[in-house]
All heavy atoms as atom14 arrays in JSON, in Angstrom:
{
  "sequence": "LRAPKDLLPYLTNVSEGSVLFIDEIHRVPKSVEEYLY",
  "atom14_mask": [
    [1, 1, 1, 1, 1, 1, 1, 1, 0, 0, 0, 0, 0, 0],
    [1, 1, 1, 1, 1, 1, 1, 1, 1, 1, 1, 0, 0, 0],
    [1, 1, 1, 1, 1, 0, 0, 0, 0, 0, 0, 0, 0, 0],
    [1, 1, 1, 1, 1, 1, 1, 0, 0, 0, 0, 0, 0, 0],
    [1, 1, 1, 1, 1, 1, 1, 1, 1, 0, 0, 0, 0, 0],
    [1, 1, 1, 1, 1, 1, 1, 1, 0, 0, 0, 0, 0, 0],
    [1, 1, 1, 1, 1, 1, 1, 1, 0, 0, 0, 0, 0, 0],
    [1, 1, 1, 1, 1, 1, 1, 1, 0, 0, 0, 0, 0, 0],
    [1, 1, 1, 1, 1, 1, 1, 0, 0, 0, 0, 0, 0, 0],
    [1, 1, 1, 1, 1, 1, 1, 1, 1, 1, 1, 1, 0, 0],
    [1, 1, 1, 1, 1, 1, 1, 1, 0, 0, 0, 0, 0, 0],
    [1, 1, 1, 1, 1, 1, 1, 0, 0, 0, 0, 0, 0, 0],
    [1, 1, 1, 1, 1, 1, 1, 1, 0, 0, 0, 0, 0, 0],
    [1, 1, 1, 1, 1, 1, 1, 0, 0, 0, 0, 0, 0, 0],
    [1, 1, 1, 1, 1, 1, 0, 0, 0, 0, 0, 0, 0, 0],
    [1, 1, 1, 1, 1, 1, 1, 1, 1, 0, 0, 0, 0, 0],
    [1, 1, 1, 1, 0, 0, 0, 0, 0, 0, 0, 0, 0, 0],
    [1, 1, 1, 1, 1, 1, 0, 0, 0, 0, 0, 0, 0, 0],
    [1, 1, 1, 1, 1, 1, 1, 0, 0, 0, 0, 0, 0, 0],
    [1, 1, 1, 1, 1, 1, 1, 1, 0, 0, 0, 0, 0, 0],
    [1, 1, 1, 1, 1, 1, 1, 1, 1, 1, 1, 0, 0, 0],
    [1, 1, 1, 1, 1, 1, 1, 1, 0, 0, 0, 0, 0, 0],
    [1, 1, 1, 1, 1, 1, 1, 1, 0, 0, 0, 0, 0, 0],
    [1, 1, 1, 1, 1, 1, 1, 1, 1, 0, 0, 0, 0, 0],
    [1, 1, 1, 1, 1, 1, 1, 1, 0, 0, 0, 0, 0, 0],
    [1, 1, 1, 1, 1, 1, 1, 1, 1, 1, 0, 0, 0, 0],
    [1, 1, 1, 1, 1, 1, 1, 1, 1, 1, 1, 0, 0, 0],
    [1, 1, 1, 1, 1, 1, 1, 0, 0, 0, 0, 0, 0, 0],
    [1, 1, 1, 1, 1, 1, 1, 0, 0, 0, 0, 0, 0, 0],
    [1, 1, 1, 1, 1, 1, 1, 1, 1, 0, 0, 0, 0, 0],
    [1, 1, 1, 1, 1, 1, 0, 0, 0, 0, 0, 0, 0, 0],
    [1, 1, 1, 1, 1, 1, 1, 0, 0, 0, 0, 0, 0, 0],
    [1, 1, 1, 1, 1, 1, 1, 1, 1, 0, 0, 0, 0, 0],
    [1, 1, 1, 1, 1, 1, 1, 1, 1, 0, 0, 0, 0, 0],
    [1, 1, 1, 1, 1, 1, 1, 1, 1, 1, 1, 1, 0, 0],
    [1, 1, 1, 1, 1, 1, 1, 1, 0, 0, 0, 0, 0, 0],
    [1, 1, 1, 1, 1, 1, 1, 1, 1, 1, 1, 1, 0, 0]
  ],
  "atom14_positions": [
    [[-167.99, -163.81, 43.76], [-167.8, -165.01, 44.57], [-166.42, -164.94, 45.21], [-165.46, -165.56, 44.75], [-167.94, -166.27, 43.71], [-169.27, -166.41, 42.96], [-169.25, -167.62, 42.06], [-170.43, -166.49, 43.95], [0.0, 0.0, 0.0], [0.0, 0.0, 0.0], [0.0, 0.0, 0.0], [0.0, 0.0, 0.0], [0.0, 0.0, 0.0], [0.0, 0.0, 0.0]],
    [[-166.3, -164.2, 46.28], [-164.99, -163.93, 46.87], [-164.56, -164.99, 47.88], [-163.39, -165.09, 48.22], [-165.0, -162.55, 47.54], [-165.3, -161.43, 46.56], [-165.26, -160.09, 47.23], [-165.54, -159.0, 46.29], [-165.56, -157.73, 46.62], [-165.32, -157.37, 47.87], [-165.82, -156.8, 45.7], [0.0, 0.0, 0.0], [0.0, 0.0, 0.0], [0.0, 0.0, 0.0]],
    [[-165.49, -165.75, 48.38], [-165.19, -166.78, 49.37], [-166.17, -167.93, 49.18], [-167.24, -167.76, 48.58], [-165.3, -166.21, 50.79], [0.0, 0.0, 0.0], [0.0, 0.0, 0.0], [0.0, 0.0, 0.0], [0.0, 0.0, 0.0], [0.0, 0.0, 0.0], [0.0, 0.0, 0.0], [0.0, 0.0, 0.0], [0.0, 0.0, 0.0], [0.0, 0.0, 0.0]],
    [[-165.82, -169.13, 49.68], [-166.74, -170.28, 49.53], [-168.14, -170.0, 50.04], [-169.12, -170.51, 49.48], [-166.04, -171.37, 50.34], [-164.59, -171.04, 50.26], [-164.53, -169.54, 50.28], [0.0, 0.0, 0.0], [0.0, 0.0, 0.0], [0.0, 0.0, 0.0], [0.0, 0.0, 0.0], [0.0, 0.0, 0.0], [0.0, 0.0, 0.0], [0.0, 0.0, 0.0]],
    [[-168.26, -169.2, 51.09], [-169.59, -168.92, 51.65], [-170.48, -168.2, 50.63], [-171.71, -168.3, 50.7], [-169.47, -168.09, 52.92], [-168.91, -166.69, 52.69], [-168.8, -165.92, 54.0], [-168.27, -164.5, 53.75], [-168.12, -163.74, 55.0], [0.0, 0.0, 0.0], [0.0, 0.0, 0.0], [0.0, 0.0, 0.0], [0.0, 0.0, 0.0], [0.0, 0.0, 0.0]],
    [[-169.87, -167.46, 49.68], [-170.66, -166.78, 48.66], [-171.21, -167.74, 47.62], [-172.2, -167.46, 46.96], [-169.82, -165.71, 47.96], [-169.33, -164.63, 48.91], [-170.09, -164.29, 49.83], [-168.19, -164.14, 48.74], [0.0, 0.0, 0.0], [0.0, 0.0, 0.0], [0.0, 0.0, 0.0], [0.0, 0.0, 0.0], [0.0, 0.0, 0.0], [0.0, 0.0, 0.0]],
    [[-170.53, -168.88, 47.47], [-170.97, -169.88, 46.5], [-172.01, -170.83, 47.07], [-172.85, -171.36, 46.33], [-169.74, -170.68, 46.02], [-169.97, -171.76, 44.97], [-170.46, -171.14, 43.66], [-168.67, -172.54, 44.73], [0.0, 0.0, 0.0], [0.0, 0.0, 0.0], [0.0, 0.0, 0.0], [0.0, 0.0, 0.0], [0.0, 0.0, 0.0], [0.0, 0.0, 0.0]],
    [[-172.0, -171.03, 48.39], [-172.89, -172.01, 49.02], [-174.37, -171.8, 48.71], [-175.09, -172.76, 48.43], [-172.66, -172.04, 50.52], [-171.39, -172.76, 50.98], [-171.21, -172.6, 52.48], [-171.46, -174.24, 50.61], [0.0, 0.0, 0.0], [0.0, 0.0, 0.0], [0.0, 0.0, 0.0], [0.0, 0.0, 0.0], [0.0, 0.0, 0.0], [0.0, 0.0, 0.0]],
    [[-174.88, -170.57, 48.78], [-176.32, -170.4, 48.49], [-176.72, -170.9, 47.11], [-177.8, -171.45, 46.94], [-176.53, -168.89, 48.62], [-175.44, -168.43, 49.51], [-174.27, -169.29, 49.2], [0.0, 0.0, 0.0], [0.0, 0.0, 0.0], [0.0, 0.0, 0.0], [0.0, 0.0, 0.0], [0.0, 0.0, 0.0], [0.0, 0.0, 0.0], [0.0, 0.0, 0.0]],
    [[-175.84, -170.71, 46.13], [-176.15, -171.18, 44.79], [-176.18, -172.71, 44.74], [-177.1, -173.31, 44.18], [-175.09, -170.67, 43.8], [-175.09, -169.18, 43.62], [-174.15, -168.39, 44.26], [-176.03, -168.56, 42.8], [-174.14, -167.02, 44.1], [-176.02, -167.2, 42.62], [-175.08, -166.43, 43.27], [-175.08, -165.06, 43.11], [0.0, 0.0, 0.0], [0.0, 0.0, 0.0]],
    [[-175.16, -173.34, 45.33], [-175.06, -174.8, 45.25], [-176.16, -175.5, 46.04], [-176.68, -176.52, 45.61], [-173.69, -175.25, 45.75], [-172.49, -174.78, 44.92], [-171.18, -175.24, 45.56], [-172.59, -175.3, 43.49], [0.0, 0.0, 0.0], [0.0, 0.0, 0.0], [0.0, 0.0, 0.0], [0.0, 0.0, 0.0], [0.0, 0.0, 0.0], [0.0, 0.0, 0.0]],
    [[-176.5, -174.94, 47.19], [-177.54, -175.59, 48.01], [-178.94, -175.37, 47.46], [-179.87, -176.05, 47.89], [-177.47, -175.08, 49.46], [-177.57, -173.65, 49.47], [-176.15, -175.49, 50.12], [0.0, 0.0, 0.0], [0.0, 0.0, 0.0], [0.0, 0.0, 0.0], [0.0, 0.0, 0.0], [0.0, 0.0, 0.0], [0.0, 0.0, 0.0], [0.0, 0.0, 0.0]],
    [[-179.08, -174.44, 46.53], [-180.4, -174.17, 45.95], [-180.58, -174.76, 44.56], [-181.64, -174.55, 43.95], [-180.66, -172.67, 45.91], [-181.08, -172.11, 47.25], [-182.22, -172.28, 47.69], [-180.17, -171.46, 47.93], [0.0, 0.0, 0.0], [0.0, 0.0, 0.0], [0.0, 0.0, 0.0], [0.0, 0.0, 0.0], [0.0, 0.0, 0.0], [0.0, 0.0, 0.0]],
    [[-179.59, -175.47, 44.06], [-179.78, -176.06, 42.74], [-180.81, -177.19, 42.82], [-180.85, -177.94, 43.79], [-178.44, -176.62, 42.17], [-177.47, -175.5, 41.89], [-177.84, -177.66, 43.09], [0.0, 0.0, 0.0], [0.0, 0.0, 0.0], [0.0, 0.0, 0.0], [0.0, 0.0, 0.0], [0.0, 0.0, 0.0], [0.0, 0.0, 0.0], [0.0, 0.0, 0.0]],
    [[-181.63, -177.27, 41.81], [-182.58, -178.38, 41.71], [-182.05, -179.38, 40.69], [-181.14, -179.07, 39.92], [-183.97, -177.86, 41.28], [-183.87, -177.15, 40.06], [0.0, 0.0, 0.0], [0.0, 0.0, 0.0], [0.0, 0.0, 0.0], [0.0, 0.0, 0.0], [0.0, 0.0, 0.0], [0.0, 0.0, 0.0], [0.0, 0.0, 0.0], [0.0, 0.0, 0.0]],
    [[-182.59, -180.55, 40.69], [-182.07, -181.59, 39.82], [-182.22, -181.2, 38.35], [-183.3, -180.84, 37.89], [-182.79, -182.92, 40.07], [-182.18, -184.08, 39.3], [-182.6, -185.43, 39.85], [-183.31, -185.45, 40.88], [-182.23, -186.44, 39.25], [0.0, 0.0, 0.0], [0.0, 0.0, 0.0], [0.0, 0.0, 0.0], [0.0, 0.0, 0.0], [0.0, 0.0, 0.0]],
    [[-181.09, -181.23, 37.64], [-181.09, -180.89, 36.22], [-181.05, -179.4, 35.94], [-181.05, -179.0, 34.77], [0.0, 0.0, 0.0], [0.0, 0.0, 0.0], [0.0, 0.0, 0.0], [0.0, 0.0, 0.0], [0.0, 0.0, 0.0], [0.0, 0.0, 0.0], [0.0, 0.0, 0.0], [0.0, 0.0, 0.0], [0.0, 0.0, 0.0], [0.0, 0.0, 0.0]],
    [[-181.01, -178.56, 36.98], [-181.0, -177.12, 36.76], [-179.61, -176.64, 36.35], [-178.65, -177.41, 36.32], [-181.46, -176.38, 38.01], [-180.52, -176.54, 39.06], [0.0, 0.0, 0.0], [0.0, 0.0, 0.0], [0.0, 0.0, 0.0], [0.0, 0.0, 0.0], [0.0, 0.0, 0.0], [0.0, 0.0, 0.0], [0.0, 0.0, 0.0], [0.0, 0.0, 0.0]],
    [[-179.51, -175.35, 36.04], [-178.27, -174.77, 35.53], [-177.78, -173.69, 36.48], [-178.55, -172.87, 36.97], [-178.49, -174.17, 34.13], [-177.26, -173.36, 33.68], [-178.8, -175.26, 33.12], [0.0, 0.0, 0.0], [0.0, 0.0, 0.0], [0.0, 0.0, 0.0], [0.0, 0.0, 0.0], [0.0, 0.0, 0.0], [0.0, 0.0, 0.0], [0.0, 0.0, 0.0]],
    [[-176.48, -173.71, 36.76], [-175.82, -172.63, 37.48], [-174.87, -171.96, 36.5], [-173.95, -172.6, 35.97], [-175.04, -173.15, 38.69], [-174.13, -172.14, 39.39], [-174.91, -170.93, 39.89], [-173.37, -172.79, 40.54], [0.0, 0.0, 0.0], [0.0, 0.0, 0.0], [0.0, 0.0, 0.0], [0.0, 0.0, 0.0], [0.0, 0.0, 0.0], [0.0, 0.0, 0.0]],
    [[-175.09, -170.69, 36.22], [-174.27, -169.95, 35.27], [-173.35, -169.0, 36.02], [-173.82, -168.17, 36.82], [-175.16, -169.17, 34.3], [-174.4, -168.22, 33.4], [-173.38, -168.69, 32.59], [-174.7, -166.87, 33.37], [-172.67, -167.83, 31.75], [-174.01, -166.0, 32.55], [-173.0, -166.48, 31.73], [0.0, 0.0, 0.0], [0.0, 0.0, 0.0], [0.0, 0.0, 0.0]],
    [[-172.06, -169.11, 35.79], [-171.08, -168.2, 36.4], [-170.41, -167.43, 35.28], [-169.64, -167.99, 34.49], [-170.03, -168.95, 37.24], [-170.71, -169.75, 38.35], [-169.03, -167.97, 37.84], [-169.73, -170.51, 39.24], [0.0, 0.0, 0.0], [0.0, 0.0, 0.0], [0.0, 0.0, 0.0], [0.0, 0.0, 0.0], [0.0, 0.0, 0.0], [0.0, 0.0, 0.0]],
    [[-170.7, -166.15, 35.2], [-170.09, -165.29, 34.2], [-168.71, -164.84, 34.68], [-168.47, -164.72, 35.88], [-170.99, -164.07, 33.97], [-170.64, -163.35, 32.69], [-169.87, -163.91, 31.88], [-171.13, -162.22, 32.49], [0.0, 0.0, 0.0], [0.0, 0.0, 0.0], [0.0, 0.0, 0.0], [0.0, 0.0, 0.0], [0.0, 0.0, 0.0], [0.0, 0.0, 0.0]],
    [[-167.81, -164.57, 33.73], [-166.42, -164.19, 34.05], [-165.84, -165.17, 35.08], [-165.3, -164.77, 36.11], [-166.39, -162.75, 34.59], [-166.87, -161.73, 33.59], [-166.06, -161.7, 32.31], [-164.82, -161.86, 32.37], [-166.64, -161.55, 31.22], [0.0, 0.0, 0.0], [0.0, 0.0, 0.0], [0.0, 0.0, 0.0], [0.0, 0.0, 0.0], [0.0, 0.0, 0.0]],
    [[-165.94, -166.43, 34.76], [-165.55, -167.47, 35.72], [-164.05, -167.45, 36.0], [-163.59, -167.98, 37.02], [-166.0, -168.86, 35.21], [-165.95, -169.9, 36.34], [-165.22, -169.28, 34.0], [-166.59, -171.22, 35.98], [0.0, 0.0, 0.0], [0.0, 0.0, 0.0], [0.0, 0.0, 0.0], [0.0, 0.0, 0.0], [0.0, 0.0, 0.0], [0.0, 0.0, 0.0]],
    [[-163.27, -166.83, 35.12], [-161.84, -166.76, 35.37], [-161.49, -165.87, 36.55], [-160.38, -165.9, 37.06], [-161.11, -166.24, 34.12], [-161.47, -164.83, 33.74], [-162.53, -164.54, 32.9], [-160.94, -163.64, 34.1], [-162.62, -163.24, 32.75], [-161.67, -162.66, 33.46], [0.0, 0.0, 0.0], [0.0, 0.0, 0.0], [0.0, 0.0, 0.0], [0.0, 0.0, 0.0]],
    [[-162.45, -165.09, 37.03], [-162.22, -164.21, 38.17], [-162.56, -164.86, 39.51], [-162.44, -164.24, 40.56], [-163.03, -162.92, 38.0], [-162.68, -162.14, 36.75], [-163.42, -160.84, 36.65], [-163.03, -159.91, 37.7], [-163.57, -158.71, 37.87], [-164.53, -158.29, 37.05], [-163.18, -157.92, 38.86], [0.0, 0.0, 0.0], [0.0, 0.0, 0.0], [0.0, 0.0, 0.0]],
    [[-162.99, -166.12, 39.47], [-163.28, -166.84, 40.71], [-161.98, -167.12, 41.45], [-161.02, -167.64, 40.87], [-164.01, -168.17, 40.41], [-164.11, -169.03, 41.65], [-165.39, -167.89, 39.83], [0.0, 0.0, 0.0], [0.0, 0.0, 0.0], [0.0, 0.0, 0.0], [0.0, 0.0, 0.0], [0.0, 0.0, 0.0], [0.0, 0.0, 0.0], [0.0, 0.0, 0.0]],
    [[-161.87, -166.77, 42.75], [-160.64, -167.02, 43.51], [-160.34, -168.51, 43.64], [-161.22, -169.36, 43.48], [-160.94, -166.4, 44.89], [-162.09, -165.49, 44.68], [-162.88, -166.06, 43.55], [0.0, 0.0, 0.0], [0.0, 0.0, 0.0], [0.0, 0.0, 0.0], [0.0, 0.0, 0.0], [0.0, 0.0, 0.0], [0.0, 0.0, 0.0], [0.0, 0.0, 0.0]],
    [[-159.1, -168.82, 43.94], [-158.65, -170.21, 44.04], [-159.45, -170.98, 45.09], [-159.82, -172.13, 44.87], [-157.17, -170.24, 44.39], [-156.55, -171.64, 44.4], [-156.47, -172.22, 43.01], [-155.73, -173.55, 43.02], [-155.69, -174.16, 41.68], [0.0, 0.0, 0.0], [0.0, 0.0, 0.0], [0.0, 0.0, 0.0], [0.0, 0.0, 0.0], [0.0, 0.0, 0.0]],
    [[-159.73, -170.35, 46.23], [-160.45, -171.05, 47.29], [-161.86, -171.44, 46.86], [-162.35, -172.52, 47.19], [-160.52, -170.17, 48.55], [-161.17, -168.93, 48.26], [0.0, 0.0, 0.0], [0.0, 0.0, 0.0], [0.0, 0.0, 0.0], [0.0, 0.0, 0.0], [0.0, 0.0, 0.0], [0.0, 0.0, 0.0], [0.0, 0.0, 0.0], [0.0, 0.0, 0.0]],
    [[-162.51, -170.58, 46.09], [-163.85, -170.88, 45.59], [-163.77, -171.91, 44.48], [-164.61, -172.82, 44.39], [-164.53, -169.59, 45.09], [-165.92, -169.91, 44.52], [-164.65, -168.57, 46.22], [0.0, 0.0, 0.0], [0.0, 0.0, 0.0], [0.0, 0.0, 0.0], [0.0, 0.0, 0.0], [0.0, 0.0, 0.0], [0.0, 0.0, 0.0], [0.0, 0.0, 0.0]],
    [[-162.76, -171.78, 43.65], [-162.58, -172.73, 42.55], [-162.44, -174.16, 43.06], [-163.03, -175.09, 42.51], [-161.34, -172.32, 41.76], [-161.05, -173.17, 40.56], [-159.8, -172.72, 39.84], [-159.74, -171.54, 39.46], [-158.88, -173.55, 39.68], [0.0, 0.0, 0.0], [0.0, 0.0, 0.0], [0.0, 0.0, 0.0], [0.0, 0.0, 0.0], [0.0, 0.0, 0.0]],
    [[-161.68, -174.33, 44.14], [-161.49, -175.67, 44.69], [-162.79, -176.23, 45.25], [-163.0, -177.45, 45.27], [-160.41, -175.63, 45.77], [-159.02, -175.36, 45.2], [-157.97, -175.15, 46.27], [-158.37, -174.95, 47.45], [-156.78, -175.17, 45.95], [0.0, 0.0, 0.0], [0.0, 0.0, 0.0], [0.0, 0.0, 0.0], [0.0, 0.0, 0.0], [0.0, 0.0, 0.0]],
    [[-163.68, -175.36, 45.7], [-165.0, -175.79, 46.16], [-165.82, -176.35, 45.0], [-166.66, -177.24, 45.18], [-165.73, -174.6, 46.78], [-166.16, -174.84, 48.21], [-165.22, -174.92, 49.23], [-167.5, -174.99, 48.54], [-165.6, -175.13, 50.53], [-167.89, -175.21, 49.85], [-166.93, -175.28, 50.84], [-167.31, -175.49, 52.14], [0.0, 0.0, 0.0], [0.0, 0.0, 0.0]],
    [[-165.57, -175.8, 43.81], [-166.32, -176.23, 42.65], [-165.93, -177.63, 42.18], [-166.73, -178.32, 41.55], [-166.13, -175.24, 41.49], [-166.91, -173.93, 41.55], [-166.46, -173.0, 40.43], [-168.41, -174.19, 41.45], [0.0, 0.0, 0.0], [0.0, 0.0, 0.0], [0.0, 0.0, 0.0], [0.0, 0.0, 0.0], [0.0, 0.0, 0.0], [0.0, 0.0, 0.0]],
    [[-164.7, -178.05, 42.49], [-164.22, -179.33, 41.97], [-165.14, -180.49, 42.37], [-165.61, -181.24, 41.53], [-162.8, -179.61, 42.46], [-161.76, -178.66, 41.94], [-160.49, -178.57, 42.53], [-162.01, -177.82, 40.85], [-159.52, -177.71, 42.05], [-161.05, -176.94, 40.37], [-159.81, -176.89, 40.97], [-158.85, -176.03, 40.5], [0.0, 0.0, 0.0], [0.0, 0.0, 0.0]]
  ]
}
């Protein structure tokens, strides 16, 4: 997940109550991390 655009497909495809799993989440760049907030 190097840029916010890489995260968008995951977020826009989540269904209600579903799970998004991010492994090695400490490697997410700051710009992507702020998108997660």
